[in-house]
Protein backbone atom coordinates (compact mmCIF):
# COMPACT_ATOMS: atom_id res chain seq x y z
CA MET A 1 -15.29 0.03 -10.12
CA PHE A 2 -12.63 -2.06 -11.82
CA ARG A 3 -13.99 -5.27 -13.34
CA PHE A 4 -11.76 -8.27 -13.69
CA PRO A 5 -11.55 -10.27 -16.89
CA GLN A 6 -13.02 -13.73 -16.43
CA LEU A 7 -10.96 -15.12 -13.53
CA GLN A 8 -10.02 -18.77 -13.27
CA GLU A 9 -10.09 -20.55 -9.94
CA ALA A 10 -7.26 -22.84 -8.81
CA ILE A 11 -5.51 -24.27 -5.74
CA LEU A 12 -2.03 -23.05 -4.80
CA LEU A 13 0.65 -25.72 -4.97
CA ASN A 14 4.05 -24.08 -4.46
CA ARG A 15 6.42 -21.30 -5.53
CA ILE A 16 9.09 -22.30 -8.03
CA ASP A 17 11.04 -19.02 -8.18
CA LEU A 18 10.74 -15.39 -7.07
CA GLY A 19 8.03 -14.53 -9.58
CA GLN A 20 6.24 -17.78 -10.47
CA LEU A 21 4.03 -20.28 -8.69
CA GLN A 22 2.41 -23.58 -9.56
CA VAL A 23 -1.33 -24.03 -9.12
CA VAL A 24 -3.67 -26.96 -9.63
CA LEU A 25 -6.62 -26.35 -11.94
CA PRO A 26 -10.11 -27.74 -11.16
CA GLU A 27 -9.72 -30.36 -13.90
CA GLY A 28 -6.43 -31.50 -12.37
CA GLY A 29 -3.83 -29.89 -14.62
CA ILE A 30 -0.82 -27.87 -13.39
CA GLN A 31 -0.55 -24.21 -14.41
CA LEU A 32 2.21 -21.62 -13.91
CA ILE A 33 1.06 -18.17 -12.78
CA ARG A 34 2.97 -14.99 -12.06
CA SER A 35 2.99 -13.15 -8.75
CA ALA A 36 3.76 -9.46 -8.29
CA PHE A 37 5.40 -10.26 -4.92
CA GLN A 38 8.36 -12.45 -4.05
CA LYS A 39 6.83 -13.68 -0.80
CA LEU A 40 3.34 -13.38 0.68
CA GLY A 41 3.64 -14.99 4.10
CA PRO A 42 0.39 -16.52 5.41
CA VAL A 43 -1.36 -16.09 2.04
CA GLU A 44 1.15 -18.37 0.33
CA VAL A 45 0.12 -21.72 1.82
CA LEU A 46 -0.33 -25.08 0.12
CA GLY A 47 -4.01 -25.59 -0.59
CA THR A 48 -5.00 -21.91 -0.64
CA ARG A 49 -7.89 -21.16 -2.95
CA ILE A 50 -6.81 -18.56 -5.50
CA TRP A 51 -8.02 -16.85 -8.68
CA PHE A 52 -5.86 -15.73 -11.60
CA SER A 53 -6.46 -13.72 -14.76
CA PRO A 54 -5.60 -15.59 -17.97
CA ALA A 55 -2.89 -14.23 -20.26
CA PRO A 56 -4.43 -11.37 -22.28
CA GLY A 57 -3.32 -12.69 -25.66
CA PRO A 58 -1.00 -14.94 -27.66
CA TRP A 59 1.87 -12.45 -27.26
CA THR A 60 2.22 -13.31 -23.58
CA HIS A 61 1.76 -16.52 -21.62
CA GLN A 62 1.85 -14.89 -18.19
CA HIS A 63 -1.25 -15.63 -16.14
CA ILE A 64 -1.46 -13.19 -13.21
CA TRP A 65 -2.35 -14.07 -9.60
CA GLU A 66 -5.25 -11.78 -8.65
CA LEU A 67 -7.04 -13.05 -5.52
CA ALA A 68 -6.56 -15.39 -2.58
CA GLU A 69 -9.03 -16.66 0.00
CA LEU A 70 -7.70 -16.87 3.55
CA ASP A 71 -8.73 -19.59 6.01
CA SER A 72 -11.28 -17.20 7.49
CA GLY A 73 -12.98 -16.83 4.09
CA VAL A 74 -11.60 -13.31 3.62
CA LEU A 75 -10.67 -12.31 0.06
CA VAL A 76 -7.44 -10.42 -0.67
CA CYS A 77 -6.40 -8.88 -4.00
CA LEU A 78 -2.69 -9.52 -4.63
CA ASN A 79 -2.23 -7.67 -7.94
CA PRO A 80 -1.17 -4.03 -7.33
CA ALA A 81 -2.00 -3.12 -10.92
CA SER A 82 -5.65 -4.10 -10.36
CA VAL A 83 -5.74 -2.13 -7.09
CA ARG A 84 -4.36 0.96 -8.86
CA ALA A 85 -6.98 0.53 -11.59
CA ALA A 86 -9.75 0.57 -8.94
CA VAL A 87 -8.32 3.76 -7.40
CA HIS A 88 -7.95 5.30 -10.89
CA HIS A 89 -11.66 4.66 -11.55
CA ALA A 90 -12.55 6.34 -8.25
CA LEU A 91 -10.38 9.37 -9.11
CA LEU A 92 -11.97 9.74 -12.54
CA HIS A 93 -15.44 9.68 -10.95
CA HIS A 94 -14.47 12.07 -8.10
CA GLN A 95 -15.17 9.50 -5.39
CA ILE A 96 -12.25 10.55 -3.15
CA PRO A 97 -13.30 13.79 -1.37
CA GLU A 98 -9.75 14.88 -0.55
CA LEU A 99 -8.77 14.78 -4.26
CA VAL A 100 -11.92 15.86 -6.12
CA GLU A 101 -10.22 18.95 -7.61
CA TYR A 102 -7.59 16.86 -9.42
CA THR A 103 -7.69 15.09 -12.76
CA PRO A 104 -5.68 11.85 -13.00
CA PRO A 105 -3.98 10.61 -16.17
CA GLN A 106 -6.49 8.99 -18.51
CA SER A 107 -4.55 5.76 -18.92
CA GLU A 108 -5.41 2.95 -16.53
CA VAL A 109 -1.80 1.74 -16.78
CA LEU A 110 -0.53 3.87 -13.90
CA SER A 111 2.80 3.86 -12.17
CA GLN A 112 2.74 3.82 -8.37
CA ASN A 113 3.70 7.54 -8.29
CA PHE A 114 2.22 10.03 -10.75
CA PHE A 115 1.29 13.70 -11.00
CA MET A 116 -2.28 14.98 -11.24
CA SER A 117 -3.28 18.37 -12.60
CA GLY A 118 -5.88 20.73 -11.15
CA GLY A 119 -6.28 22.36 -7.77
CA LYS A 120 -4.02 25.17 -6.62
CA GLN A 121 -0.88 23.19 -7.52
CA PRO A 122 0.01 19.85 -9.12
CA CYS A 123 -0.17 16.86 -6.82
CA MET A 124 2.06 13.81 -6.73
CA LEU A 125 -0.02 10.81 -5.71
CA ALA A 126 1.43 7.47 -4.64
CA ILE A 127 -0.91 4.46 -4.50
CA GLU A 128 0.25 1.56 -2.34
CA PRO A 129 -1.70 -1.56 -1.30
CA VAL A 130 -1.93 -2.75 2.31
CA LEU A 131 -2.08 -6.53 2.03
CA HIS A 132 -0.97 -8.02 5.33
CA GLY A 133 -3.19 -8.06 8.40
CA ASP A 134 -3.22 -9.86 11.72
CA ASP A 135 -5.96 -11.92 13.38
CA ILE A 136 -7.56 -8.88 15.05
CA GLY A 137 -8.04 -6.77 11.93
CA ARG A 138 -4.89 -4.64 11.99
CA GLY A 139 -2.95 -3.89 8.82
CA PHE A 140 0.56 -2.44 8.74
CA PHE A 141 2.47 -0.25 6.30
CA PRO A 142 5.17 -0.81 5.28
CA SER A 143 4.60 -4.55 5.63
CA ALA A 144 7.98 -5.83 4.35
CA TYR A 145 11.42 -4.61 3.40
CA ASP A 146 11.21 -3.53 -0.26
CA PRO A 147 13.94 -1.36 -1.85
CA THR A 148 11.69 -0.34 -4.75
CA LEU A 149 8.95 0.79 -2.33
CA GLU A 150 11.57 2.76 -0.40
CA PHE A 151 12.66 4.48 -3.62
CA ARG A 152 9.06 5.46 -4.47
CA MET A 153 8.45 6.78 -0.98
CA ARG A 154 11.63 8.88 -1.08
CA MET A 155 10.42 10.42 -4.35
CA LEU A 156 7.15 11.32 -2.64
CA VAL A 157 8.92 12.83 0.37
CA GLN A 158 11.21 14.86 -1.90
CA ALA A 159 8.16 16.26 -3.70
CA GLN A 160 6.54 17.19 -0.38
CA LEU A 161 9.69 18.83 1.02
CA SER A 162 10.18 20.83 -2.19
CA GLY A 163 6.82 22.54 -1.62
CA GLN A 164 4.60 20.46 -3.90
CA ARG A 165 1.46 18.74 -2.71
CA ALA A 166 2.21 15.06 -2.11
CA VAL A 167 -0.33 12.43 -1.07
CA LEU A 168 0.17 8.77 -0.15
CA LEU A 169 -3.03 6.78 -0.69
CA LEU A 170 -3.04 3.43 1.10
CA ALA A 171 -5.56 1.14 -0.60
CA VAL A 172 -6.70 -1.87 1.45
CA PRO A 173 -7.91 -4.74 -0.78
CA HIS A 174 -8.13 -7.06 2.24
CA GLN A 175 -11.59 -7.63 3.69
CA GLY A 176 -10.22 -8.58 7.12
CA ILE A 177 -8.33 -5.31 7.80
CA LYS A 178 -10.31 -2.75 9.83
CA ASN A 179 -7.52 -0.35 10.90
CA VAL A 180 -4.17 0.52 9.32
CA PHE A 181 -1.04 1.43 11.26
CA LEU A 182 1.88 3.39 9.86
CA SER A 183 4.70 1.69 11.72
CA GLU A 184 8.47 1.42 12.13
CA HIS A 185 8.58 -2.13 13.48
CA ILE A 186 8.77 -4.01 10.13
CA ASP A 187 11.08 -1.72 8.12
CA PRO A 188 12.49 0.77 10.68
CA GLN A 189 14.27 2.95 8.11
CA LEU A 190 11.31 3.40 5.77
CA GLY A 191 8.76 3.51 8.59
CA ALA A 192 10.70 6.28 10.35
CA LEU A 193 11.01 8.21 7.08
CA LEU A 194 7.25 8.11 6.44
CA ILE A 195 6.30 8.95 10.03
CA ASP A 196 8.71 11.90 10.02
CA ALA A 197 7.37 13.13 6.67
CA HIS A 198 3.77 12.71 7.87
CA GLN A 199 4.50 14.82 10.92
CA ARG A 200 5.99 17.46 8.61
CA GLY A 201 2.85 17.59 6.48
CA LEU A 202 2.77 14.60 4.12
CA GLN A 203 -0.91 13.76 3.62
CA ILE A 204 -1.77 10.06 3.99
CA LEU A 205 -5.20 8.75 2.99
CA CYS A 206 -6.45 5.23 3.63
CA TYR A 207 -9.41 3.64 1.84
CA ARG A 208 -10.98 0.19 1.84
CA ILE A 209 -11.23 -1.66 -1.47
CA GLU A 210 -14.20 -4.01 -1.70
CA VAL A 211 -13.03 -7.31 -3.19
CA THR A 212 -15.17 -9.84 -5.06
CA THR A 213 -14.28 -12.36 -7.73
CA ALA A 214 -15.91 -10.04 -10.27
CA ALA A 215 -14.59 -6.57 -9.39
CA LEU A 216 -12.76 -4.16 -7.08
CA ALA A 217 -14.44 -1.00 -5.84
CA LEU A 218 -13.16 1.82 -3.61
CA LYS A 219 -15.38 2.23 -0.56
CA GLU A 220 -15.11 4.11 2.77
CA ALA A 221 -12.07 5.64 4.45
CA ILE A 222 -10.30 3.48 7.05
CA ASP A 223 -8.92 4.73 10.33
CA LEU A 224 -5.16 5.33 10.09
CA LYS A 225 -2.93 5.46 13.15
CA VAL A 226 0.78 5.97 13.67
CA ILE A 227 2.97 3.74 15.85
CA GLN A 228 6.26 5.51 16.57
CA ILE A 229 8.75 3.46 18.55
CA TYR A 230 11.80 5.72 18.30
CA LYS A 231 11.03 9.41 18.50
CA ASP A 232 14.20 11.40 17.78
CA SER A 233 16.26 8.82 19.62
CA PRO A 234 20.02 9.52 19.47
CA ASP A 235 20.42 5.86 18.44
CA ALA A 236 18.08 6.17 15.46
CA PRO A 237 19.49 7.33 12.09
CA ASN A 238 18.44 10.64 10.59
CA VAL A 239 16.53 9.02 7.77
CA LEU A 240 16.08 12.22 5.80
CA LYS A 241 19.73 13.25 5.80
CA SER A 242 21.09 9.73 5.32
CA SER A 243 18.92 9.29 2.21
CA GLY A 244 19.93 12.57 0.60
CA VAL A 245 16.50 14.12 1.19
CA PRO A 246 16.93 17.73 2.36
CA THR A 247 15.77 18.28 5.91
CA PRO A 248 13.89 21.54 6.59
CA ASP A 249 14.76 23.55 9.68
CA VAL A 250 12.45 22.53 12.53
CA PRO A 251 12.70 23.01 16.28
CA ASN A 252 14.66 20.32 18.10
CA GLN A 253 12.51 17.75 19.81
CA PRO A 254 13.31 15.96 23.08
CA HIS A 255 15.24 12.73 22.70
CA GLY A 256 14.19 9.41 24.14
CA LEU A 257 12.52 6.10 23.46
CA THR A 258 8.75 6.51 23.31
CA GLN A 259 5.78 4.78 21.79
CA ASN A 260 3.49 7.31 20.16
CA VAL A 261 0.09 6.26 18.85
CA THR A 262 -1.61 9.12 17.06
CA ASP A 263 -4.58 9.64 14.79
CA GLY A 264 -3.23 9.50 11.25
CA THR A 265 -5.54 12.24 9.98
CA LYS A 266 -3.23 14.98 11.25
CA PRO A 267 0.37 15.32 12.42
CA ALA A 268 1.07 14.54 16.04
CA ASP A 269 1.63 17.41 18.47
CA PRO A 270 5.25 16.99 19.65
CA GLU A 271 4.30 18.52 22.99
CA ALA A 272 1.44 16.07 23.56
CA PRO A 273 2.09 13.27 26.08
CA SER A 274 2.89 9.84 24.65
CA ALA A 275 0.15 7.21 24.75
CA ALA A 276 0.92 3.85 26.26
């Protein structure tokens, strides 16, 4: 469990630049806070109830946006560093069955991609939050076009294709998301890359993060599914070759436009019929 410092409640006013927002404090003052994201869609609405962590000391004046409450009363954690800290705590206490043989770095200040020792071979682990959901409890990854996310995912795919163990852990600090979909429809290039890598053996785990105003805690696994719109379509780019990632020799698959929905716990059988 990762415990927040004493959070301060406020009301969202507006965004003033890519990284900063104005909020109204309970006593009526205006405060600047920093956001880890440039745009947060339905979360970023005038009047949203939010919580931020005060600047940790006199050497920095950056207050960090931590939580938001949606209209439905659902809490969402919007600070990836806090989400990674919750996952780090779970790794240290062997609470993730698929990764119990590994030892994470001791520092809680983790990058999104890092190596863990132990097991039969080192493991590169990428921790990414799933923040955006729809009204019926579906979350999607990737959820926006993000060049830095694409770079991290290509590093992970390169590690997997070079023979190392590589794991993408999708952490869901959004109490309204019940299922997560790995999808091409938001960022087709990155979505296609991840789906292709997953079908070639990239392991993807998905866990719910319980969110309160006091702490974050990793809980149960969440169902992960794959939505594949273009399956080896001649019109779709070869995302592995175009990115410089070496493509292993695999049998050619039939071309065509399909919609494949598969259980994310294992690669899809290319010979299996497509689901509507």
